[in-house]
PDB file of N, CA and C in Angstrom:
ATOM      1  N   MET A   1      21.552 -20.458 -49.221  1.00  0.00           N
ATOM      2  CA  MET A   1      20.594 -20.213 -50.263  1.00  0.00           C
ATOM      3  C   MET A   1      21.319 -19.661 -51.463  1.00  0.00           C
ATOM      4  N   VAL A   2      21.047 -20.236 -52.628  1.00  0.00           N
ATOM      5  CA  VAL A   2      21.768 -19.893 -53.819  1.00  0.00           C
ATOM      6  C   VAL A   2      20.808 -19.606 -54.974  1.00  0.00           C
ATOM      7  N   ARG A   3      21.289 -18.845 -55.944  1.00  0.00           N
ATOM      8  CA  ARG A   3      20.586 -18.690 -57.192  1.00  0.00           C
ATOM      9  C   ARG A   3      21.582 -18.452 -58.294  1.00  0.00           C
ATOM     10  N   VAL A   4      21.162 -18.703 -59.511  1.00  0.00           N
ATOM     11  CA  VAL A   4      22.043 -18.592 -60.667  1.00  0.00           C
ATOM     12  C   VAL A   4      21.346 -17.802 -61.725  1.00  0.00           C
ATOM     13  N   LYS A   5      22.095 -16.965 -62.415  1.00  0.00           N
ATOM     14  CA  LYS A   5      21.572 -16.242 -63.567  1.00  0.00           C
ATOM     15  C   LYS A   5      22.163 -16.925 -64.813  1.00  0.00           C
ATOM     16  N   PRO A   6      21.347 -17.700 -65.552  1.00  0.00           N
ATOM     17  CA  PRO A   6      21.867 -18.372 -66.750  1.00  0.00           C
ATOM     18  C   PRO A   6      22.251 -17.331 -67.816  1.00  0.00           C
ATOM     19  N   GLU A   7      23.219 -17.662 -68.623  1.00  0.00           N
ATOM     20  CA  GLU A   7      23.611 -16.794 -69.734  1.00  0.00           C
ATOM     21  C   GLU A   7      22.747 -17.183 -70.919  1.00  0.00           C
ATOM     22  N   GLY A   8      21.948 -16.232 -71.390  1.00  0.00           N
ATOM     23  CA  GLY A   8      21.063 -16.505 -72.502  1.00  0.00           C
ATOM     24  C   GLY A   8      19.817 -17.257 -72.066  1.00  0.00           C
ATOM     25  N   ASP A   9      19.236 -18.028 -72.998  1.00  0.00           N
ATOM     26  CA  ASP A   9      17.973 -18.734 -72.726  1.00  0.00           C
ATOM     27  C   ASP A   9      18.181 -20.223 -72.468  1.00  0.00           C
ATOM     28  N   THR A  10      19.243 -20.569 -71.776  1.00  0.00           N
ATOM     29  CA  THR A  10      19.521 -21.972 -71.483  1.00  0.00           C
ATOM     30  C   THR A  10      19.504 -22.174 -69.969  1.00  0.00           C
ATOM     31  N   ARG A  11      19.368 -23.400 -69.568  1.00  0.00           N
ATOM     32  CA  ARG A  11      19.443 -23.714 -68.138  1.00  0.00           C
ATOM     33  C   ARG A  11      20.904 -23.578 -67.680  1.00  0.00           C
ATOM     34  N   ALA A  12      21.089 -23.479 -66.393  1.00  0.00           N
ATOM     35  CA  ALA A  12      22.429 -23.362 -65.845  1.00  0.00           C
ATOM     36  C   ALA A  12      22.476 -24.091 -64.507  1.00  0.00           C
ATOM     37  N   GLY A  13      23.654 -24.303 -64.010  1.00  0.00           N
ATOM     38  CA  GLY A  13      23.788 -25.005 -62.728  1.00  0.00           C
ATOM     39  C   GLY A  13      25.026 -24.583 -61.981  1.00  0.00           C
ATOM     40  N   ILE A  14      25.039 -24.910 -60.703  1.00  0.00           N
ATOM     41  CA  ILE A  14      26.205 -24.653 -59.884  1.00  0.00           C
ATOM     42  C   ILE A  14      26.531 -25.908 -59.061  1.00  0.00           C
ATOM     43  N   GLY A  15      27.782 -26.031 -58.719  1.00  0.00           N
ATOM     44  CA  GLY A  15      28.233 -27.100 -57.873  1.00  0.00           C
ATOM     45  C   GLY A  15      28.598 -26.552 -56.507  1.00  0.00           C
ATOM     46  N   MET A  16      28.430 -27.361 -55.478  1.00  0.00           N
ATOM     47  CA  MET A  16      28.803 -26.925 -54.125  1.00  0.00           C
ATOM     48  C   MET A  16      29.196 -28.168 -53.331  1.00  0.00           C
ATOM     49  N   GLY A  17      29.966 -27.937 -52.263  1.00  0.00           N
ATOM     50  CA  GLY A  17      30.375 -29.075 -51.472  1.00  0.00           C
ATOM     51  C   GLY A  17      31.147 -28.676 -50.237  1.00  0.00           C
ATOM     52  N   ILE A  18      31.699 -29.692 -49.578  1.00  0.00           N
ATOM     53  CA  ILE A  18      32.442 -29.481 -48.343  1.00  0.00           C
ATOM     54  C   ILE A  18      33.745 -30.288 -48.418  1.00  0.00           C
ATOM     55  N   TYR A  19      34.860 -29.616 -48.124  1.00  0.00           N
ATOM     56  CA  TYR A  19      36.126 -30.286 -47.891  1.00  0.00           C
ATOM     57  C   TYR A  19      36.375 -30.263 -46.403  1.00  0.00           C
ATOM     58  N   ALA A  20      36.519 -31.428 -45.796  1.00  0.00           N
ATOM     59  CA  ALA A  20      36.764 -31.515 -44.358  1.00  0.00           C
ATOM     60  C   ALA A  20      38.239 -31.863 -44.114  1.00  0.00           C
ATOM     61  N   ARG A  21      38.782 -31.356 -43.025  1.00  0.00           N
ATOM     62  CA  ARG A  21      40.149 -31.667 -42.629  1.00  0.00           C
ATOM     63  C   ARG A  21      40.113 -32.230 -41.202  1.00  0.00           C
ATOM     64  N   GLU A  22      40.939 -33.212 -40.958  1.00  0.00           N
ATOM     65  CA  GLU A  22      41.043 -33.783 -39.610  1.00  0.00           C
ATOM     66  C   GLU A  22      41.823 -32.846 -38.680  1.00  0.00           C
ATOM     67  N   THR A  23      42.790 -32.127 -39.243  1.00  0.00           N
ATOM     68  CA  THR A  23      43.551 -31.139 -38.473  1.00  0.00           C
ATOM     69  C   THR A  23      43.749 -29.898 -39.321  1.00  0.00           C
ATOM     70  N   PRO A  24      43.879 -28.709 -38.688  1.00  0.00           N
ATOM     71  CA  PRO A  24      44.129 -27.505 -39.470  1.00  0.00           C
ATOM     72  C   PRO A  24      45.401 -27.672 -40.302  1.00  0.00           C
ATOM     73  N   GLY A  25      45.315 -27.367 -41.565  1.00  0.00           N
ATOM     74  CA  GLY A  25      46.471 -27.534 -42.450  1.00  0.00           C
ATOM     75  C   GLY A  25      46.634 -28.941 -42.990  1.00  0.00           C
ATOM     76  N   GLY A  26      45.771 -29.868 -42.531  1.00  0.00           N
ATOM     77  CA  GLY A  26      45.840 -31.256 -43.026  1.00  0.00           C
ATOM     78  C   GLY A  26      45.264 -31.382 -44.425  1.00  0.00           C
ATOM     79  N   THR A  27      45.375 -32.555 -44.986  1.00  0.00           N
ATOM     80  CA  THR A  27      44.866 -32.815 -46.314  1.00  0.00           C
ATOM     81  C   THR A  27      43.329 -32.767 -46.324  1.00  0.00           C
ATOM     82  N   PRO A  28      42.753 -31.976 -47.246  1.00  0.00           N
ATOM     83  CA  PRO A  28      41.270 -31.915 -47.293  1.00  0.00           C
ATOM     84  C   PRO A  28      40.718 -33.138 -47.972  1.00  0.00           C
ATOM     85  N   ASN A  29      39.582 -33.618 -47.447  1.00  0.00           N
ATOM     86  CA  ASN A  29      38.840 -34.752 -48.034  1.00  0.00           C
ATOM     87  C   ASN A  29      37.455 -34.260 -48.414  1.00  0.00           C
ATOM     88  N   GLU A  30      37.023 -34.512 -49.623  1.00  0.00           N
ATOM     89  CA  GLU A  30      35.688 -34.106 -49.999  1.00  0.00           C
ATOM     90  C   GLU A  30      34.660 -35.031 -49.335  1.00  0.00           C
ATOM     91  N   VAL A  31      33.771 -34.448 -48.532  1.00  0.00           N
ATOM     92  CA  VAL A  31      32.766 -35.256 -47.836  1.00  0.00           C
ATOM     93  C   VAL A  31      31.358 -35.031 -48.373  1.00  0.00           C
ATOM     94  N   ALA A  32      31.168 -34.001 -49.188  1.00  0.00           N
ATOM     95  CA  ALA A  32      29.856 -33.742 -49.773  1.00  0.00           C
ATOM     96  C   ALA A  32      30.018 -32.986 -51.065  1.00  0.00           C
ATOM     97  N   ARG A  33      29.123 -33.258 -52.010  1.00  0.00           N
ATOM     98  CA  ARG A  33      29.072 -32.508 -53.269  1.00  0.00           C
ATOM     99  C   ARG A  33      27.635 -32.566 -53.765  1.00  0.00           C
ATOM    100  N   ALA A  34      27.151 -31.446 -54.279  1.00  0.00           N
ATOM    101  CA  ALA A  34      25.792 -31.397 -54.836  1.00  0.00           C
ATOM    102  C   ALA A  34      25.806 -30.473 -56.047  1.00  0.00           C
ATOM    103  N   LEU A  35      24.908 -30.763 -56.999  1.00  0.00           N
ATOM    104  CA  LEU A  35      24.700 -29.886 -58.146  1.00  0.00           C
ATOM    105  C   LEU A  35      23.269 -29.392 -58.105  1.00  0.00           C
ATOM    106  N   ALA A  36      23.095 -28.116 -58.390  1.00  0.00           N
ATOM    107  CA  ALA A  36      21.746 -27.550 -58.440  1.00  0.00           C
ATOM    108  C   ALA A  36      21.513 -26.985 -59.832  1.00  0.00           C
ATOM    109  N   GLU A  37      20.417 -27.396 -60.446  1.00  0.00           N
ATOM    110  CA  GLU A  37      20.093 -26.951 -61.799  1.00  0.00           C
ATOM    111  C   GLU A  37      19.051 -25.854 -61.743  1.00  0.00           C
ATOM    112  N   PHE A  38      19.226 -24.836 -62.544  1.00  0.00           N
ATOM    113  CA  PHE A  38      18.292 -23.708 -62.640  1.00  0.00           C
ATOM    114  C   PHE A  38      17.821 -23.592 -64.094  1.00  0.00           C
ATOM    115  N   PRO A  39      16.549 -23.938 -64.359  1.00  0.00           N
ATOM    116  CA  PRO A  39      16.037 -23.810 -65.722  1.00  0.00           C
ATOM    117  C   PRO A  39      16.072 -22.370 -66.204  1.00  0.00           C
ATOM    118  N   ALA A  40      16.099 -22.194 -67.509  1.00  0.00           N
ATOM    119  CA  ALA A  40      16.068 -20.844 -68.085  1.00  0.00           C
ATOM    120  C   ALA A  40      14.803 -20.147 -67.608  1.00  0.00           C
ATOM    121  N   GLY A  41      14.921 -18.869 -67.272  1.00  0.00           N
ATOM    122  CA  GLY A  41      13.772 -18.092 -66.820  1.00  0.00           C
ATOM    123  C   GLY A  41      13.546 -18.132 -65.314  1.00  0.00           C
ATOM    124  N   GLN A  42      14.355 -18.877 -64.566  1.00  0.00           N
ATOM    125  CA  GLN A  42      14.175 -18.951 -63.107  1.00  0.00           C
ATOM    126  C   GLN A  42      15.351 -18.330 -62.365  1.00  0.00           C
ATOM    127  N   SER A  43      15.987 -17.339 -62.948  1.00  0.00           N
ATOM    128  CA  SER A  43      17.184 -16.762 -62.343  1.00  0.00           C
ATOM    129  C   SER A  43      16.888 -15.951 -61.087  1.00  0.00           C
ATOM    130  N   ASP A  44      15.629 -15.621 -60.819  1.00  0.00           N
ATOM    131  CA  ASP A  44      15.307 -14.831 -59.622  1.00  0.00           C
ATOM    132  C   ASP A  44      14.927 -15.681 -58.417  1.00  0.00           C
ATOM    133  N   ASP A  45      14.911 -16.990 -58.581  1.00  0.00           N
ATOM    134  CA  ASP A  45      14.462 -17.871 -57.512  1.00  0.00           C
ATOM    135  C   ASP A  45      15.646 -18.416 -56.715  1.00  0.00           C
ATOM    136  N   TYR A  46      15.652 -18.092 -55.402  1.00  0.00           N
ATOM    137  CA  TYR A  46      16.674 -18.665 -54.519  1.00  0.00           C
ATOM    138  C   TYR A  46      16.264 -20.068 -54.128  1.00  0.00           C
ATOM    139  N   ARG A  47      17.226 -20.900 -53.856  1.00  0.00           N
ATOM    140  CA  ARG A  47      16.989 -22.297 -53.532  1.00  0.00           C
ATOM    141  C   ARG A  47      17.889 -22.706 -52.367  1.00  0.00           C
ATOM    142  N   THR A  48      17.380 -23.545 -51.495  1.00  0.00           N
ATOM    143  CA  THR A  48      18.171 -24.123 -50.407  1.00  0.00           C
ATOM    144  C   THR A  48      18.650 -25.492 -50.852  1.00  0.00           C
ATOM    145  N   VAL A  49      19.926 -25.751 -50.691  1.00  0.00           N
ATOM    146  CA  VAL A  49      20.527 -27.047 -51.055  1.00  0.00           C
ATOM    147  C   VAL A  49      21.156 -27.636 -49.821  1.00  0.00           C
ATOM    148  N   GLU A  50      20.706 -28.833 -49.415  1.00  0.00           N
ATOM    149  CA  GLU A  50      21.258 -29.450 -48.237  1.00  0.00           C
ATOM    150  C   GLU A  50      22.431 -30.350 -48.605  1.00  0.00           C
ATOM    151  N   LEU A  51      23.516 -30.189 -47.861  1.00  0.00           N
ATOM    152  CA  LEU A  51      24.706 -30.999 -48.092  1.00  0.00           C
ATOM    153  C   LEU A  51      24.847 -32.138 -47.107  1.00  0.00           C
ATOM    154  N   GLY A  52      24.106 -32.094 -45.991  1.00  0.00           N
ATOM    155  CA  GLY A  52      24.173 -33.192 -45.045  1.00  0.00           C
ATOM    156  C   GLY A  52      24.659 -32.744 -43.679  1.00  0.00           C
ATOM    157  N   VAL A  53      24.939 -33.744 -42.834  1.00  0.00           N
ATOM    158  CA  VAL A  53      25.398 -33.513 -41.460  1.00  0.00           C
ATOM    159  C   VAL A  53      26.818 -34.097 -41.344  1.00  0.00           C
ATOM    160  N   PHE A  54      27.736 -33.229 -40.887  1.00  0.00           N
ATOM    161  CA  PHE A  54      29.153 -33.617 -40.802  1.00  0.00           C
ATOM    162  C   PHE A  54      29.762 -33.050 -39.541  1.00  0.00           C
ATOM    163  N   ASP A  55      30.804 -33.725 -39.072  1.00  0.00           N
ATOM    164  CA  ASP A  55      31.584 -33.236 -37.945  1.00  0.00           C
ATOM    165  C   ASP A  55      32.755 -32.437 -38.536  1.00  0.00           C
ATOM    166  N   LEU A  56      32.585 -31.126 -38.661  1.00  0.00           N
ATOM    167  CA  LEU A  56      33.577 -30.275 -39.277  1.00  0.00           C
ATOM    168  C   LEU A  56      34.605 -29.785 -38.258  1.00  0.00           C
ATOM    169  N   LYS A  57      35.849 -29.874 -38.621  1.00  0.00           N
ATOM    170  CA  LYS A  57      36.940 -29.418 -37.779  1.00  0.00           C
ATOM    171  C   LYS A  57      37.469 -28.066 -38.309  1.00  0.00           C
ATOM    172  N   PRO A  58      38.274 -27.365 -37.540  1.00  0.00           N
ATOM    173  CA  PRO A  58      38.885 -26.129 -38.043  1.00  0.00           C
ATOM    174  C   PRO A  58      39.643 -26.391 -39.334  1.00  0.00           C
ATOM    175  N   GLY A  59      39.507 -25.495 -40.279  1.00  0.00           N
ATOM    176  CA  GLY A  59      40.181 -25.649 -41.570  1.00  0.00           C
ATOM    177  C   GLY A  59      39.315 -26.283 -42.631  1.00  0.00           C
ATOM    178  N   SER A  60      38.111 -26.735 -42.277  1.00  0.00           N
ATOM    179  CA  SER A  60      37.188 -27.277 -43.280  1.00  0.00           C
ATOM    180  C   SER A  60      36.692 -26.130 -44.157  1.00  0.00           C
ATOM    181  N   THR A  61      36.302 -26.484 -45.390  1.00  0.00           N
ATOM    182  CA  THR A  61      35.922 -25.461 -46.364  1.00  0.00           C
ATOM    183  C   THR A  61      34.587 -25.825 -47.015  1.00  0.00           C
ATOM    184  N   ILE A  62      33.722 -24.837 -47.110  1.00  0.00           N
ATOM    185  CA  ILE A  62      32.469 -24.971 -47.890  1.00  0.00           C
ATOM    186  C   ILE A  62      32.694 -24.196 -49.169  1.00  0.00           C
ATOM    187  N   TRP A  63      32.459 -24.814 -50.327  1.00  0.00           N
ATOM    188  CA  TRP A  63      32.706 -24.167 -51.602  1.00  0.00           C
ATOM    189  C   TRP A  63      31.480 -24.159 -52.480  1.00  0.00           C
ATOM    190  N   VAL A  64      31.360 -23.137 -53.315  1.00  0.00           N
ATOM    191  CA  VAL A  64      30.314 -22.983 -54.329  1.00  0.00           C
ATOM    192  C   VAL A  64      30.957 -22.424 -55.571  1.00  0.00           C
ATOM    193  N   ARG A  65      30.627 -23.022 -56.729  1.00  0.00           N
ATOM    194  CA  ARG A  65      31.192 -22.512 -57.981  1.00  0.00           C
ATOM    195  C   ARG A  65      30.204 -22.745 -59.128  1.00  0.00           C
ATOM    196  N   PRO A  66      30.249 -21.898 -60.135  1.00  0.00           N
ATOM    197  CA  PRO A  66      29.422 -22.134 -61.317  1.00  0.00           C
ATOM    198  C   PRO A  66      29.853 -23.449 -61.980  1.00  0.00           C
ATOM    199  N   ASN A  67      28.902 -24.197 -62.488  1.00  0.00           N
ATOM    200  CA  ASN A  67      29.217 -25.387 -63.247  1.00  0.00           C
ATOM    201  C   ASN A  67      29.748 -24.943 -64.599  1.00  0.00           C
ATOM    202  N   SER A  68      30.683 -25.683 -65.164  1.00  0.00           N
ATOM    203  CA  SER A  68      31.254 -25.278 -66.437  1.00  0.00           C
ATOM    204  C   SER A  68      30.275 -25.498 -67.571  1.00  0.00           C
ATOM    205  N   GLU A  69      30.612 -24.937 -68.723  1.00  0.00           N
ATOM    206  CA  GLU A  69      29.761 -25.085 -69.900  1.00  0.00           C
ATOM    207  C   GLU A  69      29.601 -26.566 -70.207  1.00  0.00           C
ATOM    208  N   GLY A  70      28.424 -26.945 -70.669  1.00  0.00           N
ATOM    209  CA  GLY A  70      28.164 -28.328 -70.948  1.00  0.00           C
ATOM    210  C   GLY A  70      26.720 -28.633 -70.700  1.00  0.00           C
ATOM    211  N   SER A  71      26.457 -29.695 -69.935  1.00  0.00           N
ATOM    212  CA  SER A  71      25.080 -30.124 -69.737  1.00  0.00           C
ATOM    213  C   SER A  71      24.236 -29.094 -69.003  1.00  0.00           C
ATOM    214  N   PHE A  72      24.856 -28.196 -68.249  1.00  0.00           N
ATOM    215  CA  PHE A  72      24.088 -27.193 -67.519  1.00  0.00           C
ATOM    216  C   PHE A  72      24.113 -25.827 -68.218  1.00  0.00           C
ATOM    217  N   GLY A  73      24.872 -25.608 -69.240  1.00  0.00           N
ATOM    218  CA  GLY A  73      24.940 -24.325 -69.911  1.00  0.00           C
ATOM    219  C   GLY A  73      25.837 -23.339 -69.172  1.00  0.00           C
ATOM    220  N   GLN A  74      25.964 -22.142 -69.755  1.00  0.00           N
ATOM    221  CA  GLN A  74      26.821 -21.127 -69.181  1.00  0.00           C
ATOM    222  C   GLN A  74      26.132 -20.360 -68.064  1.00  0.00           C
ATOM    223  N   VAL A  75      26.897 -19.976 -67.036  1.00  0.00           N
ATOM    224  CA  VAL A  75      26.404 -19.212 -65.914  1.00  0.00           C
ATOM    225  C   VAL A  75      26.907 -17.785 -66.062  1.00  0.00           C
ATOM    226  N   GLU A  76      26.008 -16.827 -66.073  1.00  0.00           N
ATOM    227  CA  GLU A  76      26.413 -15.406 -66.095  1.00  0.00           C
ATOM    228  C   GLU A  76      26.787 -14.949 -64.707  1.00  0.00           C
ATOM    229  N   ALA A  77      26.033 -15.373 -63.696  1.00  0.00           N
ATOM    230  CA  ALA A  77      26.301 -14.923 -62.318  1.00  0.00           C
ATOM    231  C   ALA A  77      25.804 -15.994 -61.339  1.00  0.00           C
ATOM    232  N   THR A  78      26.513 -16.099 -60.219  1.00  0.00           N
ATOM    233  CA  THR A  78      26.136 -16.974 -59.108  1.00  0.00           C
ATOM    234  C   THR A  78      25.959 -16.115 -57.864  1.00  0.00           C
ATOM    235  N   TYR A  79      24.856 -16.281 -57.143  1.00  0.00           N
ATOM    236  CA  TYR A  79      24.589 -15.478 -55.947  1.00  0.00           C
ATOM    237  C   TYR A  79      24.418 -16.401 -54.762  1.00  0.00           C
ATOM    238  N   ILE A  80      25.110 -16.067 -53.671  1.00  0.00           N
ATOM    239  CA  ILE A  80      25.002 -16.794 -52.402  1.00  0.00           C
ATOM    240  C   ILE A  80      24.361 -15.828 -51.407  1.00  0.00           C
ATOM    241  N   ASP A  81      23.157 -16.153 -50.931  1.00  0.00           N
ATOM    242  CA  ASP A  81      22.497 -15.311 -49.968  1.00  0.00           C
ATOM    243  C   ASP A  81      22.928 -15.639 -48.551  1.00  0.00           C
ATOM    244  N   ARG A  82      23.012 -16.931 -48.244  1.00  0.00           N
ATOM    245  CA  ARG A  82      23.435 -17.337 -46.876  1.00  0.00           C
ATOM    246  C   ARG A  82      23.786 -18.814 -46.876  1.00  0.00           C
ATOM    247  N   VAL A  83      24.589 -19.176 -45.881  1.00  0.00           N
ATOM    248  CA  VAL A  83      24.973 -20.547 -45.614  1.00  0.00           C
ATOM    249  C   VAL A  83      24.580 -20.856 -44.187  1.00  0.00           C
ATOM    250  N   PHE A  84      23.816 -21.932 -44.003  1.00  0.00           N
ATOM    251  CA  PHE A  84      23.380 -22.329 -42.681  1.00  0.00           C
ATOM    252  C   PHE A  84      24.325 -23.384 -42.127  1.00  0.00           C
ATOM    253  N   LEU A  85      24.926 -23.132 -40.974  1.00  0.00           N
ATOM    254  CA  LEU A  85      25.698 -24.126 -40.235  1.00  0.00           C
ATOM    255  C   LEU A  85      25.012 -24.309 -38.913  1.00  0.00           C
ATOM    256  N   ILE A  86      24.458 -25.500 -38.689  1.00  0.00           N
ATOM    257  CA  ILE A  86      23.652 -25.748 -37.492  1.00  0.00           C
ATOM    258  C   ILE A  86      24.345 -26.826 -36.659  1.00  0.00           C
ATOM    259  N   THR A  87      24.473 -26.591 -35.375  1.00  0.00           N
ATOM    260  CA  THR A  87      25.053 -27.573 -34.474  1.00  0.00           C
ATOM    261  C   THR A  87      24.141 -28.788 -34.369  1.00  0.00           C
ATOM    262  N   ALA A  88      24.683 -29.967 -34.645  1.00  0.00           N
ATOM    263  CA  ALA A  88      23.904 -31.195 -34.519  1.00  0.00           C
ATOM    264  C   ALA A  88      23.889 -31.631 -33.076  1.00  0.00           C
ATOM    265  N   GLU A  89      22.755 -32.084 -32.646  1.00  0.00           N
ATOM    266  CA  GLU A  89      22.612 -32.537 -31.236  1.00  0.00           C
ATOM    267  C   GLU A  89      22.785 -34.024 -31.172  1.00  0.00           C
TER     268      GLU A  89
END
């Protein structure tokens, strides 16, 4: 669950994704990427963003970062409340 505090009165966004590795220390491959937009004035609202179902091996990485200035505007702060990893049956 994520939320963003836009800088000023503009919308803002964050990017997130998953780098998977076949072996620990192996070359990472990006298997998922998502962008979440937060309109100005909605900085207190947390949001769940689904990245999909993947077979993650040791050494895989989940990343979250503010989107750079541009179409989404500047980000003053990015908050991560929790990350759900659920075993697929």
